[in-house]
Amino acid sequence: MASETPLSNQAGICLMCACENGDNRLARLLLVRAGAMSATGVIAAVFIADSHERGDLLVLARGAIAEQRDRCLREGLFASYRCPDSVRKKTGTDDE
């Protein structure tokens, strides 16, 4: 099932940006649904969730990523070197 497909490395990076963006409505909803305070907590919730809940969390995560991607394309932040400093430090892309 497509909703069970794990998130790619780039999707994980985009999820971090989304979760740190207070304007990302779906990311806020995802954090609440997962009972998490960060993208790391969301990923942990995905791993421990049963298959139905995992599917719901992944749908929300993909939605938050899509919402973030739209913003990045509009505002020119899509390249990793333009990600927020906090995300670049966490993902090891701060040298690019």
Protein backbone atom coordinates (compact mmCIF):
# COMPACT_ATOMS: atom_id res chain seq x y z
CA MET A 1 0.00 0.00 0.00
CA ALA A 2 1.38 3.44 -0.94
CA SER A 3 0.58 4.97 2.44
CA GLU A 4 2.90 2.41 4.09
CA THR A 5 5.91 3.50 1.99
CA PRO A 6 8.54 5.04 4.27
CA LEU A 7 9.51 8.64 3.76
CA SER A 8 12.66 9.25 1.70
CA ASN A 9 15.65 11.07 3.14
CA GLN A 10 14.64 14.28 1.33
CA ALA A 11 11.07 13.89 2.58
CA GLY A 12 12.43 13.62 6.13
CA ILE A 13 14.36 16.86 5.66
CA CYS A 14 11.27 18.56 4.25
CA LEU A 15 9.22 17.21 7.17
CA MET A 16 11.68 18.85 9.59
CA CYS A 17 11.19 22.19 7.83
CA ALA A 18 7.43 21.71 7.84
CA CYS A 19 7.34 20.91 11.55
CA GLU A 20 9.41 24.00 12.35
CA ASN A 21 7.14 26.22 10.25
CA GLY A 22 4.38 27.57 12.48
CA ASP A 23 2.42 28.57 9.37
CA ASN A 24 2.24 24.98 8.08
CA ARG A 25 -1.31 23.98 9.07
CA LEU A 26 -0.93 20.28 8.28
CA ALA A 27 2.36 20.05 10.18
CA ARG A 28 0.70 21.54 13.27
CA LEU A 29 -2.10 18.99 12.92
CA LEU A 30 0.44 16.19 12.43
CA LEU A 31 2.37 17.17 15.56
CA VAL A 32 -0.81 17.16 17.62
CA ARG A 33 -2.00 13.85 16.14
CA ALA A 34 1.39 12.22 16.79
CA GLY A 35 1.66 13.74 20.26
CA ALA A 36 5.04 15.08 19.22
CA MET A 37 6.98 18.33 19.48
CA SER A 38 9.23 17.82 16.45
CA ALA A 39 9.67 15.84 13.24
CA THR A 40 11.77 13.35 15.22
CA GLY A 41 8.80 12.69 17.48
CA VAL A 42 6.57 12.25 14.45
CA ILE A 43 8.93 9.64 12.98
CA ALA A 44 9.03 7.82 16.33
CA ALA A 45 5.22 7.84 16.43
CA VAL A 46 5.10 6.38 12.91
CA PHE A 47 7.38 3.51 13.97
CA ILE A 48 5.37 2.57 17.04
CA ALA A 49 1.90 3.11 15.56
CA ASP A 50 -0.32 0.27 14.43
CA SER A 51 -0.79 0.00 10.67
CA HIS A 52 -4.01 2.05 10.53
CA GLU A 53 -2.62 4.89 12.64
CA ARG A 54 0.69 4.71 10.75
CA GLY A 55 -1.18 5.20 7.50
CA ASP A 56 -3.01 8.24 8.91
CA LEU A 57 0.25 9.77 10.18
CA LEU A 58 1.99 9.22 6.85
CA VAL A 59 -0.88 10.84 4.96
CA LEU A 60 -0.63 13.87 7.25
CA ALA A 61 3.18 13.91 6.92
CA ARG A 62 2.98 13.84 3.13
CA GLY A 63 0.40 16.64 3.25
CA ALA A 64 2.63 18.75 5.51
CA ILE A 65 5.57 18.12 3.16
CA ALA A 66 3.47 19.14 0.15
CA GLU A 67 2.34 22.29 1.96
CA GLN A 68 5.97 23.11 2.78
CA ARG A 69 7.09 22.37 -0.78
CA ASP A 70 4.54 24.85 -2.14
CA ARG A 71 5.93 27.52 0.19
CA CYS A 72 9.51 26.65 -0.74
CA LEU A 73 8.77 26.88 -4.45
CA ARG A 74 7.01 30.24 -3.94
CA GLU A 75 9.69 31.71 -1.68
CA GLY A 76 12.76 30.08 -3.21
CA LEU A 77 13.79 27.93 -0.24
CA PHE A 78 13.75 24.51 -1.94
CA ALA A 79 17.53 24.10 -2.24
CA SER A 80 18.97 22.51 0.92
CA TYR A 81 21.48 25.32 1.36
CA ARG A 82 18.51 27.66 1.80
CA CYS A 83 16.76 25.54 4.47
CA PRO A 84 16.54 27.08 7.93
CA ASP A 85 19.85 26.83 9.84
CA SER A 86 18.31 24.62 12.52
CA VAL A 87 17.27 22.05 9.90
CA ARG A 88 20.60 22.17 8.07
CA LYS A 89 22.47 21.50 11.32
CA LYS A 90 20.20 18.55 12.17
CA THR A 91 20.52 17.01 8.71
CA GLY A 92 24.23 17.64 8.14
CA THR A 93 23.57 19.79 5.08
CA ASP A 94 25.02 22.93 6.66
CA ASP A 95 28.28 22.60 4.68
CA GLU A 96 26.60 22.76 1.27
